[in-house]
Protein backbone atom coordinates (compact mmCIF):
# COMPACT_ATOMS: atom_id res chain seq x y z
CA UNK A 1 -71.34 17.49 115.72
CA UNK A 2 -68.79 20.26 115.50
CA UNK A 3 -65.93 21.28 113.29
CA UNK A 4 -62.42 21.96 114.56
CA UNK A 5 -63.05 25.70 114.70
CA UNK A 6 -66.34 25.55 116.58
CA UNK A 7 -66.26 27.19 119.98
CA UNK A 8 -62.59 26.40 120.57
CA UNK A 9 -62.75 29.19 123.19
CA UNK A 10 -64.30 26.67 125.58
CA UNK A 11 -60.92 25.02 125.95
CA UNK A 12 -58.88 28.16 125.19
CA UNK A 13 -56.73 26.44 122.55
CA UNK A 14 -55.82 27.50 119.02
CA UNK A 15 -57.49 25.73 116.10
CA UNK A 16 -54.08 24.37 115.04
CA UNK A 17 -53.61 22.76 118.48
CA UNK A 18 -57.03 21.13 118.33
CA UNK A 19 -56.39 19.89 114.76
CA UNK A 20 -53.02 18.45 115.85
CA UNK A 21 -54.63 16.45 118.67
CA UNK A 22 -57.46 15.23 116.45
CA UNK A 23 -54.92 14.10 113.84
CA UNK A 24 -53.02 12.13 116.49
CA UNK A 25 -56.22 10.46 117.70
CA UNK A 26 -56.70 9.00 114.23
CA UNK A 27 -53.00 8.15 113.66
CA UNK A 28 -52.81 6.25 116.96
CA UNK A 29 -56.02 4.35 116.22
CA UNK A 30 -57.83 5.67 119.30
CA UNK A 31 -60.87 6.39 117.11
CA UNK A 32 -61.82 5.35 113.59
CA UNK A 33 -62.08 8.45 111.41
CA UNK A 34 -64.61 6.76 109.11
CA UNK A 35 -66.96 6.28 112.07
CA UNK A 36 -66.66 9.59 113.92
CA UNK A 37 -66.29 12.17 111.12
CA UNK A 38 -68.88 13.40 108.64
CA UNK A 39 -67.63 15.56 105.77
CA UNK A 40 -69.98 18.11 104.21
CA UNK A 41 -69.49 20.58 101.40
CA UNK A 42 -70.53 24.15 102.07
CA UNK A 43 -71.13 26.94 99.56
CA UNK A 44 -70.46 30.64 100.07
CA UNK A 45 -70.33 33.66 97.83
CA UNK A 46 -66.83 34.34 96.55
CA UNK A 47 -65.37 37.40 98.27
CA UNK A 48 -63.52 38.80 95.26
CA UNK A 49 -65.67 37.79 92.29
CA UNK A 50 -69.28 39.01 92.13
CA UNK A 51 -71.83 36.28 91.44
CA UNK A 52 -69.32 33.43 91.90
CA UNK A 53 -70.02 30.72 94.45
CA UNK A 54 -67.19 28.79 96.02
CA UNK A 55 -67.43 25.49 97.87
CA UNK A 56 -65.21 23.79 100.40
CA UNK A 57 -65.34 20.65 102.50
CA UNK A 58 -65.82 20.86 106.26
CA UNK A 59 -65.26 17.91 108.61
CA UNK A 60 -67.75 17.61 111.47
CA UNK A 61 -66.72 15.51 114.48
CA UNK A 62 -68.98 13.60 116.85
CA UNK A 63 -68.78 13.89 120.64
CA UNK A 64 -66.19 11.10 120.98
CA UNK A 65 -63.69 13.23 119.05
CA UNK A 66 -64.60 16.40 120.94
CA UNK A 67 -63.94 14.95 124.39
CA UNK A 68 -61.04 12.65 123.49
CA UNK A 69 -58.21 15.26 123.70
CA UNK A 70 -59.63 16.55 126.99
CA UNK A 71 -59.86 13.18 128.73
CA UNK A 72 -60.48 13.43 132.45
CA UNK A 73 -60.49 17.24 132.35
CA UNK A 74 -63.72 17.16 130.34
CA UNK A 75 -65.28 14.59 132.62
CA UNK A 76 -64.40 16.55 135.77
CA UNK A 77 -65.78 19.82 134.40
CA UNK A 78 -68.72 18.83 132.23
CA UNK A 79 -70.18 15.58 133.53
CA UNK A 80 -72.37 15.95 136.61
CA UNK A 81 -71.57 13.67 139.53
CA UNK A 82 -73.91 12.22 142.10
CA UNK A 83 -73.18 13.04 145.72
């Protein structure tokens, strides 16, 4: 699974563009968000306050979400074909 910011350099698109497409996938009913997304809370040290820990939720997407915005482009580039 990956989050929206993971390795977006592979497709050379901004995180906001990827998030927009993912949002549309769920709005249009192409994929069920409850099935293909896992939300986890992460904890990090607060940058401005010593000793304080902050948490935030990160959505991780399964492969169906990752390849959905790419469609045939992903299949042509990443899926090996038999000759």
